[in-house]
Every structure is written in C-alpha cells, then in structure tokens.
Amino acid sequence: METAFGWKLSLPIITAPMFIVSGGDLVIEAVRSGFVGTFPSLNLRTTDELRRRLDEIREALADRPPESAVYGVNLVAHHSNPRLKADLEAVVAAKVPLVITSLGAVPEIAQAVQGYGGRILHDVINRRHAEKAAEAGVDGLILVSAGAGGHAGILNPFAFIAEVRRFFAGPLVMAGALSTGADIAAALAAGADFAYMGTRFIATREANAKEGYREMLVASGTDDIVYTSAVSGVAGNFLAPSLRQAGIDPGGLARTDRDAVKLELDPNTRKWRDLWSAGQGVAAITDSPSMAELAERLKSEFNAARQRLSVL
C-alpha cells in the first residue's frame, strides 16, 4: 500500500528503534517484510561503526526500489549526546531516508535531513512537546502514548491524536501497546498514518535480544509492566520480572518523579542490558517467530480487521 511520504509498504508499520535490540538483521528483515526498519545510532559504539552499519543496510536493500526500502536512524538530540554532530553528518552523507529524533526538536537537524530529501519524525509524549516539534519543522510526530515500551507517556492515544490534530496537519505515528494487525487497523481508524511497534519485534528471532528476554515477553501480561523513572531517570515501562531477577522489588518503583528512587544495582547488572523494557502490548505476545512469519500474521490480522469493519 502507498502511505504518507509516498512510501510503498505492505503495512504502515515503523519498527521502533530500540536500544541494544535493534540490530542490522532486524532492520533489514523488517524492510524486506514491507515495513520501515529503524535503529538508534547509539547502538553502535562509534560513528565509524554507524557509517559501516548504514553501508551494510544500503547494500542489503539495493535490490528494492527506494520507496520500498525505507530505513531510519534514531538520533538523541540532547546536549548530553557528544556524538550528535558526527552521527548527523554520517546520516546526511548516507542520505538515510528517515531520521527519528528524541529528547529535543532541533530546527537545524530537520533542515539538514530535509535538505537531501529525507524525512524527519520526532517522538513526543504531550501537547507541549508536539507543539515545539511542529515549530522546529519536523515532517511528522510520533505520539508515544500510555502503554508504550521504553520511555513512554501517559496519555490515551485516541485523545492524544485528537488533540495534536488541532494544530498539526502532517503525518502522525501512533505508539503504545500495538502488537497485532487489528491494532494497526485501529491506529489508522483513529487518524494515525503509521503504527509504531517495538515490543512485538523484540520477540522475533532477528532481534538482538537474549533468549530469556524473549521468553519473558511471551510469559508476561499487563500486570508485569511497571512504569517508573528509577531505571533511566526518564519515565518508562519495564518488565517487573527482569527487575526481580536483578534483586529489585518493582513494587517500590511505580513512581515517575526522577528523584523518587535511586537504584542500588549489583556491579554486574546494567540498565537496559539486564533490566528489560517492554510495553503493555506483551499481552498479545505468545511466541517468538521470525520477522517474515510475523509479517504474514500481521497482514492477515489487519485484513481480517478491515473485513470486520466493512460490515458495520
């Protein structure tokens, strides 16, 4: 199908850029399945490694037309990121089709990406952030709503879309607990242009995730998700069983103010690597298929949802 930006995809899915988890294999297989594949630049240790990763992805997708070979890089646009300038230069040189910015909407970044014909999306969790990103000139907004994996907001996605549509006419991406083809159809019905899915793809064979991580996703439900700022300093959703494995009582972490809780971690325990993020979409995850297998299932579920709606 043809989506916003003229991209031709099998489904309007953007795979979320996940720290550690989103490796080259996941990105390439996502694109081959007809989705948009993305990864964080900081998954690579250096800018040189980022350049090599971009070369690998471009070469792997060289047989696909540009409108069906859409991949992207997430840049942390915050002053604490010392690699931002160098990574942006690498992205511009490679003419990456999509750039996703986080923790700062910067007009100069938007202009640099748009200057070579790329598209830029910015993730937001509330109206104020959305307004600032719109003023910065981004092409579209990712509405990170309640239930999303990783750093997430607390707004209902339907209300969030309605509010942002009051002042922003560009493409919107719904993020938050989307795991099935029916969820994608619901996002489109609500007015979104794309569905942003992360947690569902952690439980695929191509994801750079430990087997225990995938098994925990399959075994978990919504009650196993804790929303806390204690892990990273920014409020987000994490798997309570992974916290318990690290000797942390998740019952005392369900607060979002940054100074509420200070984690005392074992020296061998690392945030994100051992404390695993996930969204409430775990409720729909029951297995760990390949990307290709999951893609076919999502298409079938999406078409079934459309058929159900057509008889209303």
C-alpha atoms as a PDB file:
ATOM      1  CA  MET A   1       0.000   0.000   0.000  1.00  0.00           C
ATOM      2  CA  GLU A   2       1.083   3.593  -0.548  1.00  0.00           C
ATOM      3  CA  THR A   3       1.434   5.514   2.695  1.00  0.00           C
ATOM      4  CA  ALA A   4       2.292   9.049   3.741  1.00  0.00           C
ATOM      5  CA  PHE A   5       5.557  10.302   2.216  1.00  0.00           C
ATOM      6  CA  GLY A   6       4.860   8.142  -0.845  1.00  0.00           C
ATOM      7  CA  TRP A   7       6.379   5.086   0.814  1.00  0.00           C
ATOM      8  CA  LYS A   8       5.110   1.761  -0.521  1.00  0.00           C
ATOM      9  CA  LEU A   9       4.792  -0.706   2.345  1.00  0.00           C
ATOM     10  CA  SER A  10       2.987  -3.978   2.954  1.00  0.00           C
ATOM     11  CA  LEU A  11       1.620  -2.434   6.170  1.00  0.00           C
ATOM     12  CA  PRO A  12       2.079   1.111   7.560  1.00  0.00           C
ATOM     13  CA  ILE A  13       4.427  -0.061  10.313  1.00  0.00           C
ATOM     14  CA  ILE A  14       7.528   1.703  11.593  1.00  0.00           C
ATOM     15  CA  THR A  15       9.604  -0.615  13.765  1.00  0.00           C
ATOM     16  CA  ALA A  16      10.690   1.388  16.782  1.00  0.00           C
ATOM     17  CA  PRO A  17      14.427   1.988  17.279  1.00  0.00           C
ATOM     18  CA  MET A  18      15.244   0.005  20.415  1.00  0.00           C
ATOM     19  CA  PHE A  19      18.458   0.344  22.375  1.00  0.00           C
ATOM     20  CA  ILE A  20      20.627  -2.793  22.002  1.00  0.00           C
ATOM     21  CA  VAL A  21      17.752  -4.819  20.482  1.00  0.00           C
ATOM     22  CA  SER A  22      17.512  -3.176  17.041  1.00  0.00           C
ATOM     23  CA  GLY A  23      20.457  -4.629  15.143  1.00  0.00           C
ATOM     24  CA  GLY A  24      21.164  -4.750  11.440  1.00  0.00           C
ATOM     25  CA  ASP A  25      19.368  -8.072  10.911  1.00  0.00           C
ATOM     26  CA  LEU A  26      16.143  -6.783  12.470  1.00  0.00           C
ATOM     27  CA  VAL A  27      16.212  -3.601  10.380  1.00  0.00           C
ATOM     28  CA  ILE A  28      16.929  -5.409   7.102  1.00  0.00           C
ATOM     29  CA  GLU A  29      14.314  -8.118   7.655  1.00  0.00           C
ATOM     30  CA  ALA A  30      11.730  -5.530   8.668  1.00  0.00           C
ATOM     31  CA  VAL A  31      12.250  -3.682   5.388  1.00  0.00           C
ATOM     32  CA  ARG A  32      12.171  -6.922   3.400  1.00  0.00           C
ATOM     33  CA  SER A  33       8.844  -7.676   5.080  1.00  0.00           C
ATOM     34  CA  GLY A  34       7.457  -4.398   3.808  1.00  0.00           C
ATOM     35  CA  PHE A  35       7.853  -2.267   6.944  1.00  0.00           C
ATOM     36  CA  VAL A  36      10.103   0.644   7.890  1.00  0.00           C
ATOM     37  CA  GLY A  37      13.127  -0.590   9.854  1.00  0.00           C
ATOM     38  CA  THR A  38      14.966   1.688  12.285  1.00  0.00           C
ATOM     39  CA  PHE A  39      17.723   1.592  14.892  1.00  0.00           C
ATOM     40  CA  PRO A  40      19.361   4.038  17.352  1.00  0.00           C
ATOM     41  CA  SER A  41      22.710   5.457  16.259  1.00  0.00           C
ATOM     42  CA  LEU A  42      23.973   4.814  19.799  1.00  0.00           C
ATOM     43  CA  ASN A  43      23.598   1.064  19.283  1.00  0.00           C
ATOM     44  CA  LEU A  44      26.947   1.415  17.528  1.00  0.00           C
ATOM     45  CA  ARG A  45      29.949   2.240  19.670  1.00  0.00           C
ATOM     46  CA  THR A  46      31.405   4.840  17.312  1.00  0.00           C
ATOM     47  CA  THR A  47      30.373   6.990  14.375  1.00  0.00           C
ATOM     48  CA  ASP A  48      32.647   4.935  12.140  1.00  0.00           C
ATOM     49  CA  GLU A  49      30.697   1.815  13.119  1.00  0.00           C
ATOM     50  CA  LEU A  50      27.495   3.706  12.357  1.00  0.00           C
ATOM     51  CA  ARG A  51      28.785   4.501   8.864  1.00  0.00           C
ATOM     52  CA  ARG A  52      29.585   0.824   8.295  1.00  0.00           C
ATOM     53  CA  ARG A  53      26.131  -0.234   9.518  1.00  0.00           C
ATOM     54  CA  LEU A  54      24.497   2.216   7.110  1.00  0.00           C
ATOM     55  CA  ASP A  55      26.596   0.848   4.249  1.00  0.00           C
ATOM     56  CA  GLU A  56      25.572  -2.716   5.142  1.00  0.00           C
ATOM     57  CA  ILE A  57      21.880  -1.840   5.221  1.00  0.00           C
ATOM     58  CA  ARG A  58      22.019   0.086   1.963  1.00  0.00           C
ATOM     59  CA  GLU A  59      23.824  -2.778   0.203  1.00  0.00           C
ATOM     60  CA  ALA A  60      21.403  -5.401   1.588  1.00  0.00           C
ATOM     61  CA  LEU A  61      18.424  -3.423   0.271  1.00  0.00           C
ATOM     62  CA  ALA A  62      19.938  -2.378  -3.057  1.00  0.00           C
ATOM     63  CA  ASP A  63      17.549  -4.637  -4.994  1.00  0.00           C
ATOM     64  CA  ARG A  64      14.479  -2.799  -3.708  1.00  0.00           C
ATOM     65  CA  PRO A  65      13.050   0.452  -5.125  1.00  0.00           C
ATOM     66  CA  PRO A  66      13.690   3.462  -2.843  1.00  0.00           C
ATOM     67  CA  GLU A  67      10.038   3.873  -1.888  1.00  0.00           C
ATOM     68  CA  SER A  68      10.016   0.273  -0.592  1.00  0.00           C
ATOM     69  CA  ALA A  69      13.455   0.326   1.030  1.00  0.00           C
ATOM     70  CA  VAL A  70      12.794   2.754   3.854  1.00  0.00           C
ATOM     71  CA  TYR A  71      15.048   2.552   6.886  1.00  0.00           C
ATOM     72  CA  GLY A  72      15.874   5.059   9.568  1.00  0.00           C
ATOM     73  CA  VAL A  73      18.185   6.143  12.351  1.00  0.00           C
ATOM     74  CA  ASN A  74      17.210   7.484  15.755  1.00  0.00           C
ATOM     75  CA  LEU A  75      19.327  10.412  16.961  1.00  0.00           C
ATOM     76  CA  VAL A  76      19.245  11.538  20.590  1.00  0.00           C
ATOM     77  CA  ALA A  77      19.116  15.299  20.058  1.00  0.00           C
ATOM     78  CA  HIS A  78      20.176  16.250  23.567  1.00  0.00           C
ATOM     79  CA  HIS A  79      23.232  18.199  24.706  1.00  0.00           C
ATOM     80  CA  SER A  80      24.352  15.159  26.699  1.00  0.00           C
ATOM     81  CA  ASN A  81      24.978  13.221  23.465  1.00  0.00           C
ATOM     82  CA  PRO A  82      28.575  14.031  22.447  1.00  0.00           C
ATOM     83  CA  ARG A  83      28.186  12.157  19.136  1.00  0.00           C
ATOM     84  CA  LEU A  84      25.173  14.040  17.846  1.00  0.00           C
ATOM     85  CA  LYS A  85      27.025  16.272  15.371  1.00  0.00           C
ATOM     86  CA  ALA A  86      29.207  13.464  13.988  1.00  0.00           C
ATOM     87  CA  ASP A  87      26.323  10.989  13.759  1.00  0.00           C
ATOM     88  CA  LEU A  88      24.156  13.554  11.989  1.00  0.00           C
ATOM     89  CA  GLU A  89      26.931  14.158   9.472  1.00  0.00           C
ATOM     90  CA  ALA A  90      27.119  10.394   8.819  1.00  0.00           C
ATOM     91  CA  VAL A  91      23.345  10.212   8.357  1.00  0.00           C
ATOM     92  CA  VAL A  92      23.352  13.140   5.942  1.00  0.00           C
ATOM     93  CA  ALA A  93      26.269  11.709   3.950  1.00  0.00           C
ATOM     94  CA  ALA A  94      24.425   8.381   3.629  1.00  0.00           C
ATOM     95  CA  LYS A  95      21.130  10.130   2.775  1.00  0.00           C
ATOM     96  CA  VAL A  96      19.221   7.980   5.240  1.00  0.00           C
ATOM     97  CA  PRO A  97      15.520   8.042   4.221  1.00  0.00           C
ATOM     98  CA  LEU A  98      14.185   8.567   7.748  1.00  0.00           C
ATOM     99  CA  VAL A  99      15.560  10.220  10.874  1.00  0.00           C
ATOM    100  CA  ILE A 100      13.796   9.966  14.229  1.00  0.00           C
ATOM    101  CA  THR A 101      14.831  12.477  16.878  1.00  0.00           C
ATOM    102  CA  SER A 102      14.327  12.135  20.618  1.00  0.00           C
ATOM    103  CA  LEU A 103      14.835  14.391  23.636  1.00  0.00           C
ATOM    104  CA  GLY A 104      14.999  17.592  21.635  1.00  0.00           C
ATOM    105  CA  ALA A 105      13.384  19.005  18.490  1.00  0.00           C
ATOM    106  CA  VAL A 106      16.147  20.912  16.714  1.00  0.00           C
ATOM    107  CA  PRO A 107      15.351  23.011  13.606  1.00  0.00           C
ATOM    108  CA  GLU A 108      18.885  22.625  12.245  1.00  0.00           C
ATOM    109  CA  ILE A 109      18.588  18.823  12.295  1.00  0.00           C
ATOM    110  CA  ALA A 110      15.251  18.964  10.488  1.00  0.00           C
ATOM    111  CA  GLN A 111      16.733  21.267   7.854  1.00  0.00           C
ATOM    112  CA  ALA A 112      19.788  19.045   7.366  1.00  0.00           C
ATOM    113  CA  VAL A 113      17.654  15.936   6.821  1.00  0.00           C
ATOM    114  CA  GLN A 114      15.137  17.652   4.587  1.00  0.00           C
ATOM    115  CA  GLY A 115      17.992  19.197   2.629  1.00  0.00           C
ATOM    116  CA  TYR A 116      18.852  15.871   0.979  1.00  0.00           C
ATOM    117  CA  GLY A 117      15.208  14.749   0.667  1.00  0.00           C
ATOM    118  CA  GLY A 118      14.973  12.727   3.874  1.00  0.00           C
ATOM    119  CA  ARG A 119      12.065  12.728   6.287  1.00  0.00           C
ATOM    120  CA  ILE A 120      12.230  13.530   9.969  1.00  0.00           C
ATOM    121  CA  LEU A 121       9.903  12.381  12.746  1.00  0.00           C
ATOM    122  CA  HIS A 122      10.095  13.453  16.363  1.00  0.00           C
ATOM    123  CA  ASP A 123       8.735  11.474  19.303  1.00  0.00           C
ATOM    124  CA  VAL A 124       6.587  13.321  21.842  1.00  0.00           C
ATOM    125  CA  ILE A 125       4.586  12.432  24.949  1.00  0.00           C
ATOM    126  CA  ASN A 126       2.381  15.522  25.381  1.00  0.00           C
ATOM    127  CA  ARG A 127       0.954  18.536  23.591  1.00  0.00           C
ATOM    128  CA  ARG A 128       3.743  20.924  24.638  1.00  0.00           C
ATOM    129  CA  HIS A 129       6.409  18.656  23.146  1.00  0.00           C
ATOM    130  CA  ALA A 130       4.319  18.224  19.990  1.00  0.00           C
ATOM    131  CA  GLU A 131       3.942  21.982  19.539  1.00  0.00           C
ATOM    132  CA  LYS A 132       7.680  22.551  19.944  1.00  0.00           C
ATOM    133  CA  ALA A 133       8.465  19.821  17.405  1.00  0.00           C
ATOM    134  CA  ALA A 134       5.979  21.278  14.927  1.00  0.00           C
ATOM    135  CA  GLU A 135       7.640  24.684  15.343  1.00  0.00           C
ATOM    136  CA  ALA A 136      11.013  23.051  14.670  1.00  0.00           C
ATOM    137  CA  GLY A 137       9.756  21.990  11.232  1.00  0.00           C
ATOM    138  CA  VAL A 138       9.666  18.199  11.548  1.00  0.00           C
ATOM    139  CA  ASP A 139       7.730  16.248   8.918  1.00  0.00           C
ATOM    140  CA  GLY A 140       5.733  14.128  11.344  1.00  0.00           C
ATOM    141  CA  LEU A 141       5.175  13.320  15.001  1.00  0.00           C
ATOM    142  CA  ILE A 142       5.384  10.041  16.892  1.00  0.00           C
ATOM    143  CA  LEU A 143       2.789  10.133  19.663  1.00  0.00           C
ATOM    144  CA  VAL A 144       4.286   7.940  22.367  1.00  0.00           C
ATOM    145  CA  SER A 145       1.230   7.121  24.430  1.00  0.00           C
ATOM    146  CA  ALA A 146       0.328   5.124  27.520  1.00  0.00           C
ATOM    147  CA  GLY A 147       1.500   1.532  27.464  1.00  0.00           C
ATOM    148  CA  ALA A 148       4.425   2.030  25.084  1.00  0.00           C
ATOM    149  CA  GLY A 149       7.691   0.221  25.738  1.00  0.00           C
ATOM    150  CA  GLY A 150      10.750   2.172  26.777  1.00  0.00           C
ATOM    151  CA  HIS A 151      10.332   5.849  27.570  1.00  0.00           C
ATOM    152  CA  ALA A 152       6.607   6.490  27.331  1.00  0.00           C
ATOM    153  CA  GLY A 153       3.890   8.964  28.124  1.00  0.00           C
ATOM    154  CA  ILE A 154       0.617   8.535  29.985  1.00  0.00           C
ATOM    155  CA  LEU A 155      -1.932   9.884  27.506  1.00  0.00           C
ATOM    156  CA  ASN A 156      -4.613   7.779  25.854  1.00  0.00           C
ATOM    157  CA  PRO A 157      -3.577   7.512  22.180  1.00  0.00           C
ATOM    158  CA  PHE A 158      -7.029   8.388  20.816  1.00  0.00           C
ATOM    159  CA  ALA A 159      -7.212  11.558  22.899  1.00  0.00           C
ATOM    160  CA  PHE A 160      -3.604  12.392  22.004  1.00  0.00           C
ATOM    161  CA  ILE A 161      -4.276  12.130  18.261  1.00  0.00           C
ATOM    162  CA  ALA A 162      -7.389  14.296  18.526  1.00  0.00           C
ATOM    163  CA  GLU A 163      -5.520  16.999  20.441  1.00  0.00           C
ATOM    164  CA  VAL A 164      -2.493  17.120  18.156  1.00  0.00           C
ATOM    165  CA  ARG A 165      -4.705  17.245  15.066  1.00  0.00           C
ATOM    166  CA  ARG A 166      -5.932  20.637  16.273  1.00  0.00           C
ATOM    167  CA  PHE A 167      -2.645  22.243  15.260  1.00  0.00           C
ATOM    168  CA  PHE A 168      -0.629  19.742  13.198  1.00  0.00           C
ATOM    169  CA  ALA A 169      -1.630  18.508   9.734  1.00  0.00           C
ATOM    170  CA  GLY A 170       1.401  16.320   8.993  1.00  0.00           C
ATOM    171  CA  PRO A 171       1.694  12.540   9.361  1.00  0.00           C
ATOM    172  CA  LEU A 172       1.136  11.085  12.815  1.00  0.00           C
ATOM    173  CA  VAL A 173       2.544   7.836  14.157  1.00  0.00           C
ATOM    174  CA  MET A 174       0.687   6.071  16.973  1.00  0.00           C
ATOM    175  CA  ALA A 175       2.870   4.378  19.585  1.00  0.00           C
ATOM    176  CA  GLY A 176       1.717   2.413  22.588  1.00  0.00           C
ATOM    177  CA  ALA A 177       0.766  -1.264  23.111  1.00  0.00           C
ATOM    178  CA  LEU A 178       0.394  -2.110  19.403  1.00  0.00           C
ATOM    179  CA  SER A 179       1.088  -5.796  18.788  1.00  0.00           C
ATOM    180  CA  THR A 180      -1.424  -7.130  16.251  1.00  0.00           C
ATOM    181  CA  GLY A 181      -2.731  -6.368  12.797  1.00  0.00           C
ATOM    182  CA  ALA A 182      -6.038  -5.330  14.373  1.00  0.00           C
ATOM    183  CA  ASP A 183      -4.127  -2.783  16.466  1.00  0.00           C
ATOM    184  CA  ILE A 184      -2.684  -1.317  13.274  1.00  0.00           C
ATOM    185  CA  ALA A 185      -6.151  -1.021  11.776  1.00  0.00           C
ATOM    186  CA  ALA A 186      -7.344   0.715  14.951  1.00  0.00           C
ATOM    187  CA  ALA A 187      -4.481   3.212  14.733  1.00  0.00           C
ATOM    188  CA  LEU A 188      -5.426   4.106  11.167  1.00  0.00           C
ATOM    189  CA  ALA A 189      -9.125   4.324  12.063  1.00  0.00           C
ATOM    190  CA  ALA A 190      -8.242   6.779  14.844  1.00  0.00           C
ATOM    191  CA  GLY A 191      -6.448   9.075  12.400  1.00  0.00           C
ATOM    192  CA  ALA A 192      -2.839   7.946  12.577  1.00  0.00           C
ATOM    193  CA  ASP A 193      -0.815   7.443   9.394  1.00  0.00           C
ATOM    194  CA  PHE A 194       1.545   4.811  10.792  1.00  0.00           C
ATOM    195  CA  ALA A 195       1.724   2.329  13.654  1.00  0.00           C
ATOM    196  CA  TYR A 196       4.906   2.357  15.748  1.00  0.00           C
ATOM    197  CA  MET A 197       5.728  -1.116  17.051  1.00  0.00           C
ATOM    198  CA  GLY A 198       8.637  -2.116  19.239  1.00  0.00           C
ATOM    199  CA  THR A 199       7.890  -4.695  21.917  1.00  0.00           C
ATOM    200  CA  ARG A 200       6.277  -7.124  19.445  1.00  0.00           C
ATOM    201  CA  PHE A 201       9.511  -7.206  17.422  1.00  0.00           C
ATOM    202  CA  ILE A 202      11.748  -7.902  20.420  1.00  0.00           C
ATOM    203  CA  ALA A 203      10.197 -11.362  20.429  1.00  0.00           C
ATOM    204  CA  THR A 204      11.421 -12.195  16.934  1.00  0.00           C
ATOM    205  CA  ARG A 205      14.398 -14.338  16.024  1.00  0.00           C
ATOM    206  CA  GLU A 206      16.205 -11.464  14.306  1.00  0.00           C
ATOM    207  CA  ALA A 207      16.130  -9.170  17.353  1.00  0.00           C
ATOM    208  CA  ASN A 208      19.356  -8.706  19.263  1.00  0.00           C
ATOM    209  CA  ALA A 209      17.713  -9.883  22.482  1.00  0.00           C
ATOM    210  CA  LYS A 210      18.686 -12.586  24.937  1.00  0.00           C
ATOM    211  CA  GLU A 211      16.593 -15.731  24.773  1.00  0.00           C
ATOM    212  CA  GLY A 212      15.485 -15.099  28.352  1.00  0.00           C
ATOM    213  CA  TYR A 213      14.196 -11.680  27.291  1.00  0.00           C
ATOM    214  CA  ARG A 214      12.052 -13.192  24.523  1.00  0.00           C
ATOM    215  CA  GLU A 215      10.776 -15.925  26.840  1.00  0.00           C
ATOM    216  CA  MET A 216       9.833 -13.315  29.448  1.00  0.00           C
ATOM    217  CA  LEU A 217       7.858 -11.326  26.876  1.00  0.00           C
ATOM    218  CA  VAL A 218       5.889 -14.427  25.914  1.00  0.00           C
ATOM    219  CA  ALA A 219       5.179 -15.260  29.558  1.00  0.00           C
ATOM    220  CA  SER A 220       4.248 -11.736  30.667  1.00  0.00           C
ATOM    221  CA  GLY A 221       0.977  -9.820  30.785  1.00  0.00           C
ATOM    222  CA  THR A 222      -0.033  -6.269  31.537  1.00  0.00           C
ATOM    223  CA  ASP A 223       0.406  -6.786  35.290  1.00  0.00           C
ATOM    224  CA  ASP A 224       4.084  -7.490  34.653  1.00  0.00           C
ATOM    225  CA  ILE A 225       4.754  -3.972  33.330  1.00  0.00           C
ATOM    226  CA  VAL A 226       5.930  -1.283  35.739  1.00  0.00           C
ATOM    227  CA  TYR A 227       6.053   2.415  34.796  1.00  0.00           C
ATOM    228  CA  THR A 228       8.976   4.083  36.523  1.00  0.00           C
ATOM    229  CA  SER A 229      11.697   6.688  36.137  1.00  0.00           C
ATOM    230  CA  ALA A 230      14.026   4.829  38.502  1.00  0.00           C
ATOM    231  CA  VAL A 231      15.807   2.869  35.775  1.00  0.00           C
ATOM    232  CA  SER A 232      16.934   5.662  33.469  1.00  0.00           C
ATOM    233  CA  GLY A 233      15.778   8.930  35.020  1.00  0.00           C
ATOM    234  CA  VAL A 234      13.004   9.253  32.435  1.00  0.00           C
ATOM    235  CA  ALA A 235       9.625   7.588  32.972  1.00  0.00           C
ATOM    236  CA  GLY A 236       9.221   4.389  31.021  1.00  0.00           C
ATOM    237  CA  ASN A 237       7.811   0.863  31.049  1.00  0.00           C
ATOM    238  CA  PHE A 238       9.873  -2.125  32.163  1.00  0.00           C
ATOM    239  CA  LEU A 239       9.342  -5.826  32.789  1.00  0.00           C
ATOM    240  CA  ALA A 240       8.867  -6.404  36.509  1.00  0.00           C
ATOM    241  CA  PRO A 241      10.257  -9.988  36.312  1.00  0.00           C
ATOM    242  CA  SER A 242      13.562  -8.638  34.948  1.00  0.00           C
ATOM    243  CA  LEU A 243      13.783  -6.249  37.895  1.00  0.00           C
ATOM    244  CA  ARG A 244      13.198  -9.115  40.307  1.00  0.00           C
ATOM    245  CA  GLN A 245      15.946 -11.119  38.600  1.00  0.00           C
ATOM    246  CA  ALA A 246      18.291  -8.257  39.450  1.00  0.00           C
ATOM    247  CA  GLY A 247      17.194  -8.275  43.098  1.00  0.00           C
ATOM    248  CA  ILE A 248      14.987  -5.192  42.757  1.00  0.00           C
ATOM    249  CA  ASP A 249      11.492  -5.012  44.238  1.00  0.00           C
ATOM    250  CA  PRO A 250       9.365  -3.473  41.456  1.00  0.00           C
ATOM    251  CA  GLY A 251       6.611  -2.665  43.940  1.00  0.00           C
ATOM    252  CA  GLY A 252       8.541   0.344  45.181  1.00  0.00           C
ATOM    253  CA  LEU A 253       9.376   1.754  41.764  1.00  0.00           C
ATOM    254  CA  ALA A 254       5.981   2.722  40.380  1.00  0.00           C
ATOM    255  CA  ARG A 255       6.703   6.429  40.592  1.00  0.00           C
ATOM    256  CA  THR A 256       7.696   8.857  37.863  1.00  0.00           C
ATOM    257  CA  ASP A 257       9.463  11.700  39.651  1.00  0.00           C
ATOM    258  CA  ARG A 258      13.159  11.409  38.901  1.00  0.00           C
ATOM    259  CA  ASP A 259      14.436  11.662  42.452  1.00  0.00           C
ATOM    260  CA  ALA A 260      11.876   9.309  43.969  1.00  0.00           C
ATOM    261  CA  VAL A 261      14.007   6.164  43.918  1.00  0.00           C
ATOM    262  CA  LYS A 262      17.726   5.535  43.481  1.00  0.00           C
ATOM    263  CA  LEU A 263      18.514   2.029  42.297  1.00  0.00           C
ATOM    264  CA  GLU A 264      21.294   0.195  44.060  1.00  0.00           C
ATOM    265  CA  LEU A 265      22.492  -2.221  41.388  1.00  0.00           C
ATOM    266  CA  ASP A 266      24.872  -5.125  41.606  1.00  0.00           C
ATOM    267  CA  PRO A 267      28.141  -4.180  39.794  1.00  0.00           C
ATOM    268  CA  ASN A 268      27.404  -6.846  37.167  1.00  0.00           C
ATOM    269  CA  THR A 269      23.891  -5.540  36.460  1.00  0.00           C
ATOM    270  CA  ARG A 270      23.408  -2.938  33.760  1.00  0.00           C
ATOM    271  CA  LYS A 271      20.394  -0.881  32.868  1.00  0.00           C
ATOM    272  CA  TRP A 272      18.738  -1.872  29.569  1.00  0.00           C
ATOM    273  CA  ARG A 273      21.050  -4.858  29.126  1.00  0.00           C
ATOM    274  CA  ASP A 274      19.702  -6.652  32.215  1.00  0.00           C
ATOM    275  CA  LEU A 275      16.682  -4.526  33.165  1.00  0.00           C
ATOM    276  CA  TRP A 276      14.429  -5.146  30.214  1.00  0.00           C
ATOM    277  CA  SER A 277      11.956  -2.728  28.737  1.00  0.00           C
ATOM    278  CA  ALA A 278       8.562  -3.695  27.306  1.00  0.00           C
ATOM    279  CA  GLY A 279       5.150  -2.171  26.739  1.00  0.00           C
ATOM    280  CA  GLN A 280       1.689  -3.363  27.675  1.00  0.00           C
ATOM    281  CA  GLY A 281       1.491  -4.973  24.232  1.00  0.00           C
ATOM    282  CA  VAL A 282       3.079  -8.055  25.827  1.00  0.00           C
ATOM    283  CA  ALA A 283      -0.495  -9.147  26.490  1.00  0.00           C
ATOM    284  CA  ALA A 284      -0.776 -10.201  22.828  1.00  0.00           C
ATOM    285  CA  ILE A 285       2.647 -11.863  22.509  1.00  0.00           C
ATOM    286  CA  THR A 286       2.530 -15.646  22.676  1.00  0.00           C
ATOM    287  CA  ASP A 287       5.550 -16.745  20.624  1.00  0.00           C
ATOM    288  CA  SER A 288       8.874 -15.745  19.058  1.00  0.00           C
ATOM    289  CA  PRO A 289       8.502 -16.124  15.275  1.00  0.00           C
ATOM    290  CA  SER A 290      10.801 -14.939  12.536  1.00  0.00           C
ATOM    291  CA  MET A 291      10.165 -11.474  11.137  1.00  0.00           C
ATOM    292  CA  ALA A 292       8.822 -12.981   7.912  1.00  0.00           C
ATOM    293  CA  GLU A 293       6.393 -15.217   9.802  1.00  0.00           C
ATOM    294  CA  LEU A 294       5.206 -12.361  11.984  1.00  0.00           C
ATOM    295  CA  ALA A 295       4.770 -10.115   8.948  1.00  0.00           C
ATOM    296  CA  GLU A 296       2.406 -12.592   7.304  1.00  0.00           C
ATOM    297  CA  ARG A 297       0.417 -12.909  10.525  1.00  0.00           C
ATOM    298  CA  LEU A 298       0.118  -9.130  10.918  1.00  0.00           C
ATOM    299  CA  LYS A 299      -1.108  -8.785   7.333  1.00  0.00           C
ATOM    300  CA  SER A 300      -3.730 -11.488   7.879  1.00  0.00           C
ATOM    301  CA  GLU A 301      -4.906  -9.892  11.139  1.00  0.00           C
ATOM    302  CA  PHE A 302      -5.017  -6.458   9.531  1.00  0.00           C
ATOM    303  CA  ASN A 303      -7.100  -7.672   6.602  1.00  0.00           C
ATOM    304  CA  ALA A 304      -9.444  -9.543   8.937  1.00  0.00           C
ATOM    305  CA  ALA A 305      -9.946  -6.367  10.977  1.00  0.00           C
ATOM    306  CA  ARG A 306     -10.718  -4.387   7.833  1.00  0.00           C
ATOM    307  CA  GLN A 307     -13.238  -7.031   6.801  1.00  0.00           C
ATOM    308  CA  ARG A 308     -14.985  -6.825  10.173  1.00  0.00           C
ATOM    309  CA  LEU A 309     -15.220  -3.050   9.880  1.00  0.00           C
ATOM    310  CA  SER A 310     -16.581  -3.218   6.355  1.00  0.00           C
ATOM    311  CA  VAL A 311     -19.784  -4.902   7.524  1.00  0.00           C
ATOM    312  CA  LEU A 312     -20.619  -2.291  10.152  1.00  0.00           C
END
